[in-house]
Amino acid sequence: MTTRPTENVWDYPRPPRIEPSDELVRVVLGGEVIAETRASLRVLETSHPPTYYLPRSAFREGALASAPGASVCEWKGRASYLTVAGGDRAESAAAWWYPTPQPGFEPLADHIAIYPGRMDRVEVDGEAVEPQAGGFYGGWITSRVTGPFKGAPGTRGW
């Protein structure tokens, strides 16, 4: 395991920045490893823990399927949702992606973000990820980042 410097989310930019990561990311659902990669993208935005976007190719075949719903990010564009399946579980709208990202966010095309709290376990370099509070945001909290983090009650207007 590589030691990475600690980052404070209040030092992250707005608009967000995309940064490649060689950290080992592993996603487990239904008792199965459904995704694994050392080629993810981290989206870093003021007050938010990083959101990791994994290449679609990192997911086991059959782990992703279209789900109803969409949302819009002022920076990244229109997101489409995905159902994530593994073992005996399927989590509807537990992942999202940007089919046609806004200018400046084109690297996110064909990359998938997941809500870590909807999975059995999500790891970054062997460390279990804590999901960002609030249910809407998809940030991944590890010992590498410090807050406070947006998402908890009373932080919506930050």
N, C-alpha and C. Protein backbone atom coordinates (compact mmCIF):
# COMPACT_ATOMS: atom_id res chain seq x y z
N MET A 1 0.85 -1.18 0.00
CA MET A 1 0.00 0.00 0.00
C MET A 1 0.89 1.24 0.00
N THR A 2 0.62 2.15 -0.93
CA THR A 2 1.37 3.39 -1.05
C THR A 2 0.81 4.43 -0.09
N THR A 3 1.69 5.13 0.63
CA THR A 3 1.23 6.21 1.50
C THR A 3 1.01 7.45 0.65
N ARG A 4 -0.18 7.99 0.75
CA ARG A 4 -0.56 9.18 -0.02
C ARG A 4 -0.67 10.36 0.94
N PRO A 5 -0.39 11.56 0.46
CA PRO A 5 -0.55 12.72 1.35
C PRO A 5 -2.02 12.95 1.70
N THR A 6 -2.25 13.46 2.91
CA THR A 6 -3.60 13.79 3.34
C THR A 6 -4.05 15.07 2.64
N GLU A 7 -5.30 15.09 2.23
CA GLU A 7 -5.88 16.24 1.54
C GLU A 7 -7.07 16.77 2.32
N ASN A 8 -7.22 18.08 2.36
CA ASN A 8 -8.39 18.71 2.96
C ASN A 8 -9.32 19.09 1.82
N VAL A 9 -10.59 18.69 1.92
CA VAL A 9 -11.54 18.93 0.83
C VAL A 9 -11.79 20.42 0.60
N TRP A 10 -11.44 21.26 1.56
CA TRP A 10 -11.62 22.70 1.38
C TRP A 10 -10.51 23.31 0.52
N ASP A 11 -9.49 22.48 0.22
CA ASP A 11 -8.45 22.91 -0.71
C ASP A 11 -8.76 22.49 -2.14
N TYR A 12 -9.80 21.70 -2.34
CA TYR A 12 -10.20 21.29 -3.68
C TYR A 12 -10.83 22.48 -4.41
N PRO A 13 -10.75 22.50 -5.74
CA PRO A 13 -11.25 23.65 -6.51
C PRO A 13 -12.75 23.61 -6.77
N ARG A 14 -13.25 24.74 -7.21
CA ARG A 14 -14.60 24.86 -7.74
C ARG A 14 -14.48 25.79 -8.93
N PRO A 15 -14.79 25.39 -10.14
CA PRO A 15 -15.35 24.10 -10.53
C PRO A 15 -14.38 22.94 -10.23
N PRO A 16 -14.94 21.72 -10.22
CA PRO A 16 -14.15 20.55 -9.86
C PRO A 16 -13.02 20.27 -10.84
N ARG A 17 -12.05 19.51 -10.34
CA ARG A 17 -10.91 19.06 -11.15
C ARG A 17 -10.98 17.53 -11.26
N ILE A 18 -10.56 17.01 -12.41
CA ILE A 18 -10.45 15.57 -12.63
C ILE A 18 -8.98 15.19 -12.50
N GLU A 19 -8.72 14.13 -11.76
CA GLU A 19 -7.35 13.69 -11.53
C GLU A 19 -7.28 12.17 -11.71
N PRO A 20 -6.35 11.67 -12.53
CA PRO A 20 -6.20 10.22 -12.65
C PRO A 20 -5.66 9.63 -11.36
N SER A 21 -6.04 8.39 -11.07
CA SER A 21 -5.57 7.71 -9.87
C SER A 21 -5.11 6.30 -10.21
N ASP A 22 -3.99 5.90 -9.63
CA ASP A 22 -3.51 4.53 -9.78
C ASP A 22 -3.77 3.70 -8.52
N GLU A 23 -4.59 4.24 -7.60
CA GLU A 23 -4.96 3.48 -6.41
C GLU A 23 -5.78 2.26 -6.82
N LEU A 24 -5.64 1.18 -6.07
CA LEU A 24 -6.42 -0.02 -6.36
C LEU A 24 -7.82 0.18 -5.79
N VAL A 25 -8.81 0.24 -6.68
CA VAL A 25 -10.21 0.39 -6.29
C VAL A 25 -10.90 -0.95 -6.51
N ARG A 26 -11.61 -1.39 -5.47
CA ARG A 26 -12.33 -2.67 -5.54
C ARG A 26 -13.75 -2.45 -5.02
N VAL A 27 -14.73 -2.99 -5.76
CA VAL A 27 -16.15 -2.87 -5.40
C VAL A 27 -16.73 -4.27 -5.24
N VAL A 28 -17.39 -4.50 -4.08
CA VAL A 28 -18.00 -5.80 -3.78
C VAL A 28 -19.49 -5.61 -3.58
N LEU A 29 -20.28 -6.43 -4.26
CA LEU A 29 -21.74 -6.43 -4.11
C LEU A 29 -22.22 -7.87 -4.20
N GLY A 30 -23.14 -8.23 -3.31
CA GLY A 30 -23.66 -9.59 -3.30
C GLY A 30 -22.58 -10.63 -3.05
N GLY A 31 -21.53 -10.21 -2.33
CA GLY A 31 -20.44 -11.12 -2.01
C GLY A 31 -19.45 -11.34 -3.13
N GLU A 32 -19.62 -10.63 -4.26
CA GLU A 32 -18.72 -10.79 -5.41
C GLU A 32 -17.98 -9.50 -5.70
N VAL A 33 -16.73 -9.61 -6.14
CA VAL A 33 -16.01 -8.45 -6.65
C VAL A 33 -16.60 -8.15 -8.02
N ILE A 34 -17.25 -7.00 -8.15
CA ILE A 34 -17.89 -6.67 -9.42
C ILE A 34 -17.09 -5.65 -10.22
N ALA A 35 -16.10 -5.01 -9.57
CA ALA A 35 -15.25 -4.06 -10.29
C ALA A 35 -13.91 -3.96 -9.58
N GLU A 36 -12.88 -3.78 -10.39
CA GLU A 36 -11.53 -3.61 -9.84
C GLU A 36 -10.69 -2.89 -10.88
N THR A 37 -9.92 -1.88 -10.43
CA THR A 37 -9.09 -1.13 -11.36
C THR A 37 -8.00 -0.36 -10.63
N ARG A 38 -6.96 -0.05 -11.36
CA ARG A 38 -5.92 0.90 -10.95
C ARG A 38 -5.90 2.08 -11.92
N ALA A 39 -7.01 2.29 -12.61
CA ALA A 39 -7.08 3.35 -13.62
C ALA A 39 -8.37 4.15 -13.46
N SER A 40 -8.64 4.63 -12.25
CA SER A 40 -9.85 5.42 -12.03
C SER A 40 -9.56 6.91 -12.20
N LEU A 41 -10.62 7.69 -12.17
CA LEU A 41 -10.52 9.15 -12.17
C LEU A 41 -11.17 9.65 -10.89
N ARG A 42 -10.50 10.58 -10.22
CA ARG A 42 -11.06 11.21 -9.03
C ARG A 42 -11.57 12.59 -9.43
N VAL A 43 -12.80 12.92 -9.03
CA VAL A 43 -13.33 14.26 -9.22
C VAL A 43 -13.24 14.95 -7.86
N LEU A 44 -12.52 16.05 -7.84
CA LEU A 44 -12.25 16.79 -6.61
C LEU A 44 -12.95 18.13 -6.66
N GLU A 45 -13.85 18.36 -5.68
CA GLU A 45 -14.63 19.60 -5.64
C GLU A 45 -14.71 20.11 -4.20
N THR A 46 -14.57 21.40 -4.05
CA THR A 46 -14.60 22.04 -2.74
C THR A 46 -15.72 21.47 -1.87
N SER A 47 -15.37 21.10 -0.65
CA SER A 47 -16.26 20.62 0.41
C SER A 47 -16.73 19.18 0.25
N HIS A 48 -16.34 18.50 -0.82
CA HIS A 48 -16.78 17.13 -1.07
C HIS A 48 -15.60 16.16 -1.01
N PRO A 49 -15.80 14.98 -0.40
CA PRO A 49 -14.77 13.96 -0.57
C PRO A 49 -14.73 13.56 -2.04
N PRO A 50 -13.61 13.03 -2.50
CA PRO A 50 -13.51 12.66 -3.92
C PRO A 50 -14.59 11.67 -4.33
N THR A 51 -15.04 11.80 -5.57
CA THR A 51 -15.89 10.79 -6.19
C THR A 51 -15.00 10.08 -7.21
N TYR A 52 -14.95 8.77 -7.10
CA TYR A 52 -14.13 7.97 -8.02
C TYR A 52 -15.00 7.50 -9.18
N TYR A 53 -14.47 7.65 -10.38
CA TYR A 53 -15.12 7.17 -11.60
C TYR A 53 -14.25 6.05 -12.16
N LEU A 54 -14.85 4.87 -12.30
CA LEU A 54 -14.13 3.71 -12.79
C LEU A 54 -14.43 3.48 -14.27
N PRO A 55 -13.43 3.06 -15.04
CA PRO A 55 -13.72 2.75 -16.44
C PRO A 55 -14.77 1.65 -16.52
N ARG A 56 -15.66 1.79 -17.46
CA ARG A 56 -16.71 0.76 -17.63
C ARG A 56 -16.08 -0.63 -17.75
N SER A 57 -14.92 -0.72 -18.37
CA SER A 57 -14.24 -2.01 -18.55
C SER A 57 -13.78 -2.63 -17.23
N ALA A 58 -13.77 -1.87 -16.13
CA ALA A 58 -13.37 -2.41 -14.82
C ALA A 58 -14.47 -3.25 -14.19
N PHE A 59 -15.69 -3.15 -14.71
CA PHE A 59 -16.84 -3.86 -14.14
C PHE A 59 -17.00 -5.23 -14.78
N ARG A 60 -17.35 -6.20 -13.95
CA ARG A 60 -17.64 -7.55 -14.42
C ARG A 60 -18.79 -7.49 -15.42
N GLU A 61 -18.75 -8.32 -16.43
CA GLU A 61 -19.83 -8.37 -17.42
C GLU A 61 -21.15 -8.65 -16.71
N GLY A 62 -22.18 -7.88 -17.04
CA GLY A 62 -23.50 -8.05 -16.46
C GLY A 62 -23.71 -7.29 -15.16
N ALA A 63 -22.69 -6.59 -14.68
CA ALA A 63 -22.81 -5.87 -13.40
C ALA A 63 -23.57 -4.54 -13.54
N LEU A 64 -23.68 -4.02 -14.76
CA LEU A 64 -24.32 -2.72 -14.97
C LEU A 64 -25.46 -2.83 -15.97
N ALA A 65 -26.57 -2.14 -15.65
CA ALA A 65 -27.71 -2.07 -16.57
C ALA A 65 -28.37 -0.71 -16.41
N SER A 66 -28.96 -0.21 -17.46
CA SER A 66 -29.64 1.08 -17.40
C SER A 66 -30.71 1.09 -16.32
N ALA A 67 -30.86 2.23 -15.68
CA ALA A 67 -31.90 2.41 -14.65
C ALA A 67 -32.65 3.69 -14.96
N PRO A 68 -33.88 3.82 -14.50
CA PRO A 68 -34.62 5.06 -14.72
C PRO A 68 -33.99 6.21 -13.94
N GLY A 69 -34.21 7.40 -14.45
CA GLY A 69 -33.77 8.60 -13.75
C GLY A 69 -32.57 9.25 -14.39
N ALA A 70 -32.44 10.53 -14.09
CA ALA A 70 -31.32 11.34 -14.56
C ALA A 70 -31.20 12.53 -13.63
N SER A 71 -30.05 13.16 -13.66
CA SER A 71 -29.84 14.40 -12.91
C SER A 71 -28.88 15.26 -13.71
N VAL A 72 -28.73 16.51 -13.28
CA VAL A 72 -27.85 17.43 -14.00
C VAL A 72 -26.87 18.05 -13.03
N CYS A 73 -25.62 18.02 -13.40
CA CYS A 73 -24.56 18.71 -12.67
C CYS A 73 -24.20 19.96 -13.47
N GLU A 74 -24.12 21.08 -12.79
CA GLU A 74 -23.81 22.33 -13.50
C GLU A 74 -22.47 22.27 -14.21
N TRP A 75 -21.56 21.41 -13.77
CA TRP A 75 -20.22 21.34 -14.37
C TRP A 75 -20.10 20.18 -15.35
N LYS A 76 -20.59 19.01 -14.97
CA LYS A 76 -20.34 17.81 -15.75
C LYS A 76 -21.41 17.51 -16.79
N GLY A 77 -22.64 17.99 -16.57
CA GLY A 77 -23.70 17.77 -17.54
C GLY A 77 -24.78 16.84 -17.02
N ARG A 78 -25.45 16.17 -17.94
CA ARG A 78 -26.59 15.29 -17.61
C ARG A 78 -26.08 13.88 -17.31
N ALA A 79 -26.44 13.39 -16.13
CA ALA A 79 -26.05 12.04 -15.70
C ALA A 79 -27.19 11.06 -15.94
N SER A 80 -26.84 9.86 -16.36
CA SER A 80 -27.77 8.74 -16.47
C SER A 80 -27.44 7.75 -15.37
N TYR A 81 -28.48 7.07 -14.86
CA TYR A 81 -28.30 6.15 -13.74
C TYR A 81 -28.22 4.71 -14.20
N LEU A 82 -27.58 3.90 -13.36
CA LEU A 82 -27.38 2.49 -13.66
C LEU A 82 -27.74 1.63 -12.46
N THR A 83 -28.30 0.46 -12.73
CA THR A 83 -28.48 -0.56 -11.70
C THR A 83 -27.17 -1.34 -11.63
N VAL A 84 -26.75 -1.64 -10.41
CA VAL A 84 -25.52 -2.40 -10.18
C VAL A 84 -25.91 -3.76 -9.60
N ALA A 85 -25.40 -4.84 -10.19
CA ALA A 85 -25.75 -6.19 -9.76
C ALA A 85 -24.50 -7.01 -9.45
N GLY A 86 -24.63 -7.82 -8.41
CA GLY A 86 -23.56 -8.74 -8.05
C GLY A 86 -24.12 -9.80 -7.13
N GLY A 87 -23.72 -11.06 -7.34
CA GLY A 87 -24.24 -12.14 -6.51
C GLY A 87 -25.74 -12.17 -6.56
N ASP A 88 -26.37 -12.15 -5.38
CA ASP A 88 -27.83 -12.20 -5.31
C ASP A 88 -28.45 -10.83 -5.10
N ARG A 89 -27.70 -9.76 -5.36
CA ARG A 89 -28.21 -8.40 -5.12
C ARG A 89 -28.20 -7.57 -6.39
N ALA A 90 -29.17 -6.67 -6.47
CA ALA A 90 -29.22 -5.66 -7.52
C ALA A 90 -29.65 -4.36 -6.85
N GLU A 91 -28.89 -3.31 -7.07
CA GLU A 91 -29.17 -2.00 -6.48
C GLU A 91 -29.50 -1.03 -7.61
N SER A 92 -30.79 -0.67 -7.68
CA SER A 92 -31.25 0.23 -8.74
C SER A 92 -30.73 1.65 -8.51
N ALA A 93 -30.29 2.28 -9.58
CA ALA A 93 -29.80 3.67 -9.55
C ALA A 93 -28.69 3.86 -8.52
N ALA A 94 -27.82 2.86 -8.38
CA ALA A 94 -26.71 2.93 -7.44
C ALA A 94 -25.43 3.41 -8.09
N ALA A 95 -25.49 3.73 -9.39
CA ALA A 95 -24.33 4.23 -10.13
C ALA A 95 -24.82 5.23 -11.16
N TRP A 96 -23.91 6.06 -11.64
CA TRP A 96 -24.26 7.03 -12.68
C TRP A 96 -23.06 7.27 -13.57
N TRP A 97 -23.35 7.86 -14.72
CA TRP A 97 -22.30 8.23 -15.67
C TRP A 97 -22.79 9.38 -16.53
N TYR A 98 -21.89 9.99 -17.24
CA TYR A 98 -22.19 11.12 -18.12
C TYR A 98 -21.95 10.69 -19.56
N PRO A 99 -23.02 10.30 -20.28
CA PRO A 99 -22.85 9.85 -21.66
C PRO A 99 -22.20 10.90 -22.55
N THR A 100 -22.53 12.17 -22.33
CA THR A 100 -21.95 13.27 -23.11
C THR A 100 -21.56 14.38 -22.14
N PRO A 101 -20.39 14.25 -21.51
CA PRO A 101 -19.99 15.25 -20.52
C PRO A 101 -19.81 16.64 -21.13
N GLN A 102 -19.98 17.64 -20.28
CA GLN A 102 -19.77 19.04 -20.68
C GLN A 102 -18.30 19.26 -21.05
N PRO A 103 -18.00 20.31 -21.83
CA PRO A 103 -16.61 20.64 -22.13
C PRO A 103 -15.78 20.77 -20.86
N GLY A 104 -14.59 20.20 -20.91
CA GLY A 104 -13.70 20.18 -19.77
C GLY A 104 -13.83 18.91 -18.94
N PHE A 105 -14.93 18.17 -19.13
CA PHE A 105 -15.16 16.95 -18.36
C PHE A 105 -15.25 15.72 -19.27
N GLU A 106 -14.79 15.85 -20.49
CA GLU A 106 -14.82 14.76 -21.47
C GLU A 106 -14.14 13.47 -20.97
N PRO A 107 -13.09 13.55 -20.13
CA PRO A 107 -12.48 12.30 -19.66
C PRO A 107 -13.45 11.39 -18.90
N LEU A 108 -14.56 11.93 -18.40
CA LEU A 108 -15.52 11.11 -17.65
C LEU A 108 -16.37 10.21 -18.55
N ALA A 109 -16.35 10.46 -19.85
CA ALA A 109 -17.12 9.61 -20.77
C ALA A 109 -16.67 8.16 -20.59
N ASP A 110 -17.63 7.27 -20.52
CA ASP A 110 -17.40 5.83 -20.37
C ASP A 110 -16.76 5.47 -19.02
N HIS A 111 -16.95 6.33 -18.02
CA HIS A 111 -16.53 6.06 -16.64
C HIS A 111 -17.77 6.07 -15.74
N ILE A 112 -17.76 5.21 -14.76
CA ILE A 112 -18.93 4.99 -13.91
C ILE A 112 -18.59 5.36 -12.46
N ALA A 113 -19.48 6.11 -11.82
CA ALA A 113 -19.37 6.40 -10.39
C ALA A 113 -20.43 5.60 -9.66
N ILE A 114 -20.12 5.16 -8.45
CA ILE A 114 -21.09 4.40 -7.66
C ILE A 114 -21.27 5.07 -6.30
N TYR A 115 -22.42 4.80 -5.71
CA TYR A 115 -22.66 5.20 -4.33
C TYR A 115 -22.07 4.11 -3.44
N PRO A 116 -20.98 4.39 -2.74
CA PRO A 116 -20.34 3.32 -1.95
C PRO A 116 -21.23 2.75 -0.85
N GLY A 117 -22.14 3.54 -0.31
CA GLY A 117 -23.03 3.06 0.74
C GLY A 117 -24.05 2.06 0.27
N ARG A 118 -24.20 1.90 -1.04
CA ARG A 118 -25.16 0.95 -1.60
C ARG A 118 -24.51 -0.40 -1.92
N MET A 119 -23.19 -0.49 -1.75
CA MET A 119 -22.45 -1.71 -2.03
C MET A 119 -22.15 -2.44 -0.72
N ASP A 120 -21.73 -3.72 -0.81
CA ASP A 120 -21.29 -4.45 0.38
C ASP A 120 -20.04 -3.80 0.96
N ARG A 121 -19.12 -3.49 0.05
CA ARG A 121 -17.84 -2.92 0.46
C ARG A 121 -17.21 -2.25 -0.76
N VAL A 122 -16.59 -1.11 -0.51
CA VAL A 122 -15.80 -0.43 -1.52
C VAL A 122 -14.46 -0.13 -0.86
N GLU A 123 -13.37 -0.42 -1.56
CA GLU A 123 -12.03 -0.21 -1.02
C GLU A 123 -11.19 0.65 -1.95
N VAL A 124 -10.33 1.44 -1.33
CA VAL A 124 -9.29 2.17 -2.05
C VAL A 124 -7.97 1.77 -1.40
N ASP A 125 -7.11 1.13 -2.17
CA ASP A 125 -5.83 0.62 -1.66
C ASP A 125 -6.02 -0.20 -0.39
N GLY A 126 -7.07 -1.03 -0.36
CA GLY A 126 -7.32 -1.92 0.75
C GLY A 126 -8.08 -1.32 1.92
N GLU A 127 -8.32 -0.02 1.90
CA GLU A 127 -9.04 0.66 2.98
C GLU A 127 -10.53 0.75 2.63
N ALA A 128 -11.39 0.37 3.58
CA ALA A 128 -12.83 0.48 3.36
C ALA A 128 -13.23 1.95 3.26
N VAL A 129 -14.06 2.25 2.28
CA VAL A 129 -14.56 3.60 2.03
C VAL A 129 -15.77 3.85 2.91
N GLU A 130 -15.84 5.05 3.47
CA GLU A 130 -17.03 5.51 4.18
C GLU A 130 -17.81 6.40 3.20
N PRO A 131 -19.10 6.17 3.02
CA PRO A 131 -19.85 7.00 2.06
C PRO A 131 -20.08 8.41 2.60
N GLN A 132 -20.13 9.36 1.69
CA GLN A 132 -20.47 10.74 2.02
C GLN A 132 -21.91 10.75 2.53
N ALA A 133 -22.16 11.51 3.58
CA ALA A 133 -23.50 11.59 4.17
C ALA A 133 -24.48 12.26 3.22
N GLY A 134 -25.74 11.99 3.44
CA GLY A 134 -26.79 12.72 2.75
C GLY A 134 -27.51 11.99 1.66
N GLY A 135 -26.97 10.92 1.12
CA GLY A 135 -27.67 10.13 0.13
C GLY A 135 -27.66 10.65 -1.29
N PHE A 136 -27.40 11.94 -1.50
CA PHE A 136 -27.40 12.47 -2.87
C PHE A 136 -26.00 12.46 -3.47
N TYR A 137 -25.02 12.87 -2.68
CA TYR A 137 -23.65 12.96 -3.18
C TYR A 137 -22.98 11.60 -3.13
N GLY A 138 -22.01 11.39 -3.99
CA GLY A 138 -21.36 10.09 -4.08
C GLY A 138 -19.91 10.09 -3.68
N GLY A 139 -19.51 10.96 -2.74
CA GLY A 139 -18.12 11.03 -2.33
C GLY A 139 -17.66 9.82 -1.53
N TRP A 140 -16.35 9.57 -1.61
CA TRP A 140 -15.72 8.43 -0.95
C TRP A 140 -14.78 8.96 0.12
N ILE A 141 -15.07 8.67 1.38
CA ILE A 141 -14.24 9.15 2.48
C ILE A 141 -13.27 8.05 2.89
N THR A 142 -11.98 8.39 2.86
CA THR A 142 -10.91 7.52 3.34
C THR A 142 -10.05 8.34 4.30
N SER A 143 -9.06 7.69 4.88
CA SER A 143 -8.14 8.39 5.78
C SER A 143 -7.31 9.42 5.03
N ARG A 144 -7.33 9.38 3.72
CA ARG A 144 -6.58 10.32 2.90
C ARG A 144 -7.20 11.72 2.88
N VAL A 145 -8.50 11.85 3.22
CA VAL A 145 -9.17 13.15 3.12
C VAL A 145 -9.72 13.59 4.47
N THR A 146 -9.70 14.91 4.67
CA THR A 146 -10.28 15.49 5.88
C THR A 146 -11.34 16.50 5.47
N GLY A 147 -12.27 16.79 6.39
CA GLY A 147 -13.39 17.69 6.13
C GLY A 147 -13.38 18.87 7.05
N PRO A 148 -14.55 19.40 7.37
CA PRO A 148 -15.87 18.77 7.26
C PRO A 148 -16.34 18.64 5.81
N PHE A 149 -17.27 17.67 5.62
CA PHE A 149 -17.77 17.34 4.30
C PHE A 149 -19.21 17.81 4.12
N LYS A 150 -19.51 18.30 2.93
CA LYS A 150 -20.88 18.63 2.59
C LYS A 150 -21.69 17.33 2.50
N GLY A 151 -22.98 17.41 2.83
CA GLY A 151 -23.86 16.26 2.72
C GLY A 151 -24.61 15.96 3.99
N ALA A 152 -24.00 16.24 5.13
CA ALA A 152 -24.66 15.97 6.41
C ALA A 152 -25.78 16.99 6.63
N PRO A 153 -26.72 16.71 7.52
CA PRO A 153 -27.77 17.69 7.80
C PRO A 153 -27.19 19.07 8.13
N GLY A 154 -27.82 20.10 7.56
CA GLY A 154 -27.37 21.46 7.80
C GLY A 154 -26.27 21.97 6.88
N THR A 155 -25.83 21.12 5.93
CA THR A 155 -24.73 21.54 5.05
C THR A 155 -25.17 21.83 3.62
N ARG A 156 -26.44 21.70 3.33
CA ARG A 156 -26.93 21.84 1.95
C ARG A 156 -26.58 23.21 1.34
N GLY A 157 -26.59 24.26 2.14
CA GLY A 157 -26.32 25.59 1.59
C GLY A 157 -24.85 25.99 1.53
N TRP A 158 -23.96 25.07 1.86
CA TRP A 158 -22.54 25.41 1.83
C TRP A 158 -22.11 25.79 0.45
